[in-house]
Every structure is written in structure tokens, then in C-alpha cells.
């Protein structure tokens, strides 16, 4: 009986800690900046409107999705992965569609910044949270639609994202199922 109680408590603790990896406390969104989605540009970039009416372009921190169009980065990805331009663009479109499902027009999301507020292109850098407390950056990685892309000093959730990527790779989720970026 004592062993059963021990394993029951252990199971509950493990279940709780695993769910915390995927979902943050719902109360955490209170300390973040709300922003209403205008449109998704690609798998890791979108525009949204702040409460004051300002429209901003947001680049999700810590993740990278495949390109959706011709660009210097697409050429680097072709050289790095050995995949064709067409295949990378197709993967990029898949990631964009997944992000669109998570970020429909009009959805209110919550932005959390790290050390650097913007990138060299003027985009706001953020971890993006849904009302239910899930981090979109992490969901992209968990489903194999993005890979971890850390640029110091923005490393607040690096370990969390790496853990999600490892799990996605092991489970063959998304792009990890048939191709290796």
C-alpha cells in the first residue's frame, strides 16, 4: 500500500512537471504585452497591433522556420542541408500555415521580450504566448515546424526549446519525420 501511494505521488509530480514544460501558468500572460494579430508573414514572423494602435512586426525568439521565398538565407539553407530550394520553400509554407492556425487574424497574443528588444531589421523580438499559457515558439519546435535558433543574449528559454526539439526529433514530428533540416 505504501509503494502504491509513493508511485501515485511520483506520477502526479512527474505529470505536473511535464505539463509545465509545455504550458506555462495562465497567470503569466498578465505580465506580458498584449497584441492583436494582423497577419502572419512566415512561420516565425507576424504583425500585430498594440493597445495604442501601433502595428509592429514580431520575430519569434529562439526559433527558425524554413524560408517561404527566394532569399540569401534560402541559399544558405540549401547549401547547409542539401535540400532543394523547392523543398525548403514547401517546408516553409507548411510552417507558415501551422503558424496561421495558431495566430488567426484578430487573436490576442502576449509578447514577452528577452534582453534585446529588436533585431537589426527593426522587428520586435519576443516569446509569444497564447491566452491559455502556451508559448507559440515552443509549439512550433514541439511539432517539428521549426528548429531551435538561439542568438545570445536572448537565451531565456533556450533549454526549454532544446528539450522540445529533442522530443520532436525522437518522435519524428513534422520536418523531423522524413527530412532532417
Protein backbone atom coordinates (compact mmCIF):
# COMPACT_ATOMS: atom_id res chain seq x y z
CA UNK A 1 0.00 0.00 0.00
CA UNK A 2 2.83 2.35 0.88
CA UNK A 3 4.52 1.66 -2.50
CA UNK A 4 1.26 2.39 -4.32
CA UNK A 5 0.95 5.73 -2.53
CA UNK A 6 4.59 6.57 -3.33
CA UNK A 7 4.17 5.77 -7.03
CA UNK A 8 0.88 7.68 -7.18
CA UNK A 9 2.54 10.79 -5.75
CA UNK A 10 5.55 10.34 -8.03
CA UNK A 11 3.24 10.02 -11.06
CA UNK A 12 1.37 13.19 -10.11
CA UNK A 13 4.58 15.13 -9.62
CA UNK A 14 6.00 13.93 -12.95
CA UNK A 15 2.74 14.70 -14.74
CA UNK A 16 2.71 18.19 -13.27
CA UNK A 17 6.34 18.90 -14.17
CA UNK A 18 5.88 17.58 -17.72
CA UNK A 19 2.80 19.72 -18.25
CA UNK A 20 4.77 22.74 -17.01
CA UNK A 21 7.31 22.12 -19.80
CA UNK A 22 4.60 22.54 -22.42
CA UNK A 23 2.28 25.03 -20.79
CA UNK A 24 3.08 27.98 -18.59
CA UNK A 25 0.86 29.20 -15.81
CA UNK A 26 -2.13 31.03 -17.24
CA UNK A 27 -1.37 33.89 -14.86
CA UNK A 28 1.93 34.55 -16.62
CA UNK A 29 0.22 36.37 -19.51
CA UNK A 30 -0.68 39.17 -17.12
CA UNK A 31 2.92 40.41 -17.13
CA UNK A 32 3.25 40.45 -20.91
CA UNK A 33 2.31 42.91 -23.65
CA UNK A 34 -0.98 42.09 -25.40
CA UNK A 35 -1.01 42.41 -29.17
CA UNK A 36 -3.80 41.65 -31.69
CA UNK A 37 -2.64 39.59 -34.72
CA UNK A 38 -2.93 41.33 -38.10
CA UNK A 39 -1.24 38.78 -40.37
CA UNK A 40 1.33 36.01 -40.48
CA UNK A 41 4.31 36.78 -42.71
CA UNK A 42 6.06 33.42 -42.42
CA UNK A 43 6.46 30.64 -39.87
CA UNK A 44 8.33 32.75 -37.32
CA UNK A 45 7.25 36.33 -38.13
CA UNK A 46 3.93 38.14 -37.94
CA UNK A 47 2.43 41.59 -37.47
CA UNK A 48 0.15 42.66 -34.66
CA UNK A 49 -1.40 45.80 -33.22
CA UNK A 50 -0.63 47.07 -29.72
CA UNK A 51 -3.30 48.63 -27.48
CA UNK A 52 -2.19 52.11 -28.59
CA UNK A 53 -2.93 51.19 -32.24
CA UNK A 54 0.71 50.83 -33.30
CA UNK A 55 1.27 47.96 -35.72
CA UNK A 56 4.53 46.10 -35.14
CA UNK A 57 6.37 43.26 -36.85
CA UNK A 58 7.29 40.47 -34.41
CA UNK A 59 10.09 37.93 -34.90
CA UNK A 60 9.76 34.97 -32.54
CA UNK A 61 12.86 34.47 -30.41
CA UNK A 62 14.73 31.18 -30.35
CA UNK A 63 13.18 29.52 -33.39
CA UNK A 64 13.76 29.38 -37.12
CA UNK A 65 11.36 28.10 -39.75
CA UNK A 66 12.27 27.32 -43.36
CA UNK A 67 12.12 30.15 -45.89
CA UNK A 68 8.98 30.74 -47.96
CA UNK A 69 10.62 32.70 -50.79
CA UNK A 70 13.90 33.30 -52.58
CA UNK A 71 16.41 35.00 -50.29
CA UNK A 72 20.08 34.84 -49.29
CA UNK A 73 19.04 32.74 -46.28
CA UNK A 74 17.33 30.25 -48.59
CA UNK A 75 20.62 29.82 -50.46
CA UNK A 76 22.46 29.24 -47.17
CA UNK A 77 19.84 26.66 -46.15
CA UNK A 78 20.19 24.86 -49.49
CA UNK A 79 23.97 24.67 -49.03
CA UNK A 80 23.69 23.66 -45.36
CA UNK A 81 21.01 20.97 -45.76
CA UNK A 82 21.50 19.65 -49.28
CA UNK A 83 17.75 20.06 -49.86
CA UNK A 84 16.40 21.75 -52.99
CA UNK A 85 15.06 25.31 -52.95
CA UNK A 86 11.62 23.97 -53.80
CA UNK A 87 11.63 21.51 -50.89
CA UNK A 88 12.73 24.16 -48.40
CA UNK A 89 10.09 26.61 -49.67
CA UNK A 90 7.44 23.88 -49.40
CA UNK A 91 8.50 23.22 -45.79
CA UNK A 92 8.40 26.97 -45.14
CA UNK A 93 4.83 27.14 -46.45
CA UNK A 94 3.85 24.26 -44.14
CA UNK A 95 5.34 26.11 -41.16
CA UNK A 96 3.58 29.32 -42.19
CA UNK A 97 0.21 27.52 -42.40
CA UNK A 98 0.78 25.98 -38.96
CA UNK A 99 1.56 29.42 -37.54
CA UNK A 100 -1.56 30.85 -39.20
CA UNK A 101 -3.65 28.25 -37.37
CA UNK A 102 -2.08 29.30 -34.07
CA UNK A 103 -2.32 33.02 -34.88
CA UNK A 104 -5.57 33.73 -36.72
CA UNK A 105 -6.26 37.35 -37.59
CA UNK A 106 -7.73 39.15 -34.58
CA UNK A 107 -6.28 36.72 -32.00
CA UNK A 108 -4.81 38.45 -28.96
CA UNK A 109 -1.37 37.11 -28.04
CA UNK A 110 1.05 38.18 -25.34
CA UNK A 111 4.62 39.25 -26.07
CA UNK A 112 7.50 38.65 -23.71
CA UNK A 113 10.84 40.16 -24.55
CA UNK A 114 14.29 38.95 -23.56
CA UNK A 115 17.47 41.07 -23.47
CA UNK A 116 17.32 42.67 -26.94
CA UNK A 117 14.04 44.39 -27.80
CA UNK A 118 14.53 44.41 -31.60
CA UNK A 119 16.68 42.83 -34.28
CA UNK A 120 18.77 44.57 -36.93
CA UNK A 121 15.70 44.75 -39.20
CA UNK A 122 13.66 46.63 -36.58
CA UNK A 123 11.40 43.68 -35.78
CA UNK A 124 10.28 43.27 -32.18
CA UNK A 125 11.87 40.13 -30.71
CA UNK A 126 9.53 38.16 -28.48
CA UNK A 127 8.39 34.92 -26.99
CA UNK A 128 4.73 34.75 -27.96
CA UNK A 129 2.12 33.38 -25.58
CA UNK A 130 -1.48 32.34 -26.18
CA UNK A 131 -4.24 33.15 -23.70
CA UNK A 132 -4.12 29.57 -22.42
CA UNK A 133 -0.47 29.99 -21.40
CA UNK A 134 1.17 28.02 -24.22
CA UNK A 135 4.25 29.53 -25.89
CA UNK A 136 3.96 29.57 -29.68
CA UNK A 137 7.74 29.47 -30.13
CA UNK A 138 7.76 26.19 -28.21
CA UNK A 139 4.74 24.77 -30.07
CA UNK A 140 6.49 25.35 -33.40
CA UNK A 141 9.53 23.41 -32.20
CA UNK A 142 7.45 20.68 -30.48
CA UNK A 143 5.56 19.97 -33.70
CA UNK A 144 8.69 19.92 -35.85
CA UNK A 145 7.75 23.08 -37.76
CA UNK A 146 10.82 24.98 -36.56
CA UNK A 147 14.23 24.30 -35.17
CA UNK A 148 15.90 25.99 -32.26
CA UNK A 149 17.84 29.08 -33.31
CA UNK A 150 19.46 30.85 -30.38
CA UNK A 151 21.14 34.22 -30.75
CA UNK A 152 22.68 35.37 -27.47
CA UNK A 153 21.94 37.26 -25.34
CA UNK A 154 18.30 36.17 -25.92
CA UNK A 155 18.54 32.80 -24.20
CA UNK A 156 15.83 32.85 -21.52
CA UNK A 157 14.01 29.75 -22.81
CA UNK A 158 16.88 28.10 -24.71
CA UNK A 159 16.92 24.92 -22.60
CA UNK A 160 13.15 24.60 -22.78
CA UNK A 161 13.20 24.92 -26.57
CA UNK A 162 16.10 22.47 -26.93
CA UNK A 163 14.19 19.95 -24.84
CA UNK A 164 11.13 20.36 -27.08
CA UNK A 165 13.28 19.92 -30.21
CA UNK A 166 14.90 16.78 -28.88
CA UNK A 167 11.46 15.31 -28.18
CA UNK A 168 10.19 16.30 -31.66
CA UNK A 169 13.22 14.67 -33.28
CA UNK A 170 12.82 11.48 -31.25
CA UNK A 171 9.13 11.29 -32.13
CA UNK A 172 9.71 12.14 -35.81
CA UNK A 173 7.34 15.12 -35.66
CA UNK A 174 6.90 17.48 -38.60
CA UNK A 175 10.04 18.00 -40.63
CA UNK A 176 11.94 15.57 -38.42
CA UNK A 177 9.74 12.74 -39.69
CA UNK A 178 11.01 12.45 -43.23
CA UNK A 179 13.71 15.07 -43.59
CA UNK A 180 16.45 16.46 -41.39
CA UNK A 181 16.95 20.25 -41.73
